[in-house]
Amino acid sequence: MADDKTKVGGQDRARINVNEDYEVRDWCKSLGVSEEELRKAVAEVGDQADKVREYLGKK
């Protein structure tokens, strides 16, 4: 099922969808990392934002 952009909040904010350009752009800005760093983090720990933040913090 496609990402429903009319339903935002809750779980949608807790996950990082690297297949959506706008999400990659927004998460990179929010986390202060490059697209490459974000994609690597998601590949390493999954798409949960809290785990990605934790991973990036340990770098």
C-alpha atoms as a PDB file:
ATOM      1  CA  MET A   1       0.000   0.000   0.000  1.00  0.00           C
ATOM      2  CA  ALA A   2       1.266   3.477  -0.851  1.00  0.00           C
ATOM      3  CA  ASP A   3       2.275   5.971   1.793  1.00  0.00           C
ATOM      4  CA  ASP A   4      -0.920   7.922   2.588  1.00  0.00           C
ATOM      5  CA  LYS A   5       0.263  11.510   2.993  1.00  0.00           C
ATOM      6  CA  THR A   6      -3.103  12.538   4.473  1.00  0.00           C
ATOM      7  CA  LYS A   7      -2.476  10.352   7.527  1.00  0.00           C
ATOM      8  CA  VAL A   8       0.498  11.784   9.363  1.00  0.00           C
ATOM      9  CA  GLY A   9       1.537  11.637  12.965  1.00  0.00           C
ATOM     10  CA  GLY A  10       2.029   8.894  15.496  1.00  0.00           C
ATOM     11  CA  GLN A  11       3.757   5.944  13.944  1.00  0.00           C
ATOM     12  CA  ASP A  12       4.461   7.833  10.705  1.00  0.00           C
ATOM     13  CA  ARG A  13       6.809  10.170  12.587  1.00  0.00           C
ATOM     14  CA  ALA A  14       8.530   7.248  14.292  1.00  0.00           C
ATOM     15  CA  ARG A  15       9.792   5.705  11.059  1.00  0.00           C
ATOM     16  CA  ILE A  16      12.097   6.889   8.291  1.00  0.00           C
ATOM     17  CA  ASN A  17      11.045   5.988   4.756  1.00  0.00           C
ATOM     18  CA  VAL A  18      14.165   6.290   2.600  1.00  0.00           C
ATOM     19  CA  ASN A  19      12.053   5.660  -0.516  1.00  0.00           C
ATOM     20  CA  GLU A  20      10.367   9.062  -0.223  1.00  0.00           C
ATOM     21  CA  ASP A  21      12.565  11.991  -1.296  1.00  0.00           C
ATOM     22  CA  TYR A  22      10.782  14.481   0.957  1.00  0.00           C
ATOM     23  CA  GLU A  23      11.268  12.252   4.009  1.00  0.00           C
ATOM     24  CA  VAL A  24      14.973  11.770   3.261  1.00  0.00           C
ATOM     25  CA  ARG A  25      15.378  15.536   2.844  1.00  0.00           C
ATOM     26  CA  ASP A  26      13.477  16.325   6.054  1.00  0.00           C
ATOM     27  CA  TRP A  27      15.212  13.671   8.154  1.00  0.00           C
ATOM     28  CA  CYS A  28      18.657  14.718   6.904  1.00  0.00           C
ATOM     29  CA  LYS A  29      17.917  18.297   7.907  1.00  0.00           C
ATOM     30  CA  SER A  30      16.452  17.275  11.251  1.00  0.00           C
ATOM     31  CA  LEU A  31      19.341  14.973  12.148  1.00  0.00           C
ATOM     32  CA  GLY A  32      22.071  17.128  10.625  1.00  0.00           C
ATOM     33  CA  VAL A  33      23.457  14.344   8.428  1.00  0.00           C
ATOM     34  CA  SER A  34      23.989  13.715   4.736  1.00  0.00           C
ATOM     35  CA  GLU A  35      21.716  11.471   2.696  1.00  0.00           C
ATOM     36  CA  GLU A  36      24.483   8.863   2.561  1.00  0.00           C
ATOM     37  CA  GLU A  37      24.848   8.876   6.363  1.00  0.00           C
ATOM     38  CA  LEU A  38      21.076   8.570   6.823  1.00  0.00           C
ATOM     39  CA  ARG A  39      20.772   5.679   4.371  1.00  0.00           C
ATOM     40  CA  LYS A  40      23.693   3.874   6.015  1.00  0.00           C
ATOM     41  CA  ALA A  41      22.147   4.296   9.461  1.00  0.00           C
ATOM     42  CA  VAL A  42      18.772   2.975   8.282  1.00  0.00           C
ATOM     43  CA  ALA A  43      20.508   0.019   6.615  1.00  0.00           C
ATOM     44  CA  GLU A  44      22.364  -0.750   9.862  1.00  0.00           C
ATOM     45  CA  VAL A  45      19.584  -0.382  12.464  1.00  0.00           C
ATOM     46  CA  GLY A  46      16.296  -0.245  10.572  1.00  0.00           C
ATOM     47  CA  ASP A  47      13.796   2.519   9.947  1.00  0.00           C
ATOM     48  CA  GLN A  48      12.816   3.399  13.529  1.00  0.00           C
ATOM     49  CA  ALA A  49      13.787   7.020  14.101  1.00  0.00           C
ATOM     50  CA  ASP A  50      14.854   6.523  17.726  1.00  0.00           C
ATOM     51  CA  LYS A  51      17.269   3.730  16.760  1.00  0.00           C
ATOM     52  CA  VAL A  52      18.672   5.801  13.898  1.00  0.00           C
ATOM     53  CA  ARG A  53      19.214   8.749  16.273  1.00  0.00           C
ATOM     54  CA  GLU A  54      20.961   6.476  18.749  1.00  0.00           C
ATOM     55  CA  TYR A  55      23.172   4.987  16.012  1.00  0.00           C
ATOM     56  CA  LEU A  56      24.123   8.403  14.689  1.00  0.00           C
ATOM     57  CA  GLY A  57      24.891   9.617  18.209  1.00  0.00           C
ATOM     58  CA  LYS A  58      27.409   6.838  18.740  1.00  0.00           C
ATOM     59  CA  LYS A  59      29.407   7.800  15.646  1.00  0.00           C
END
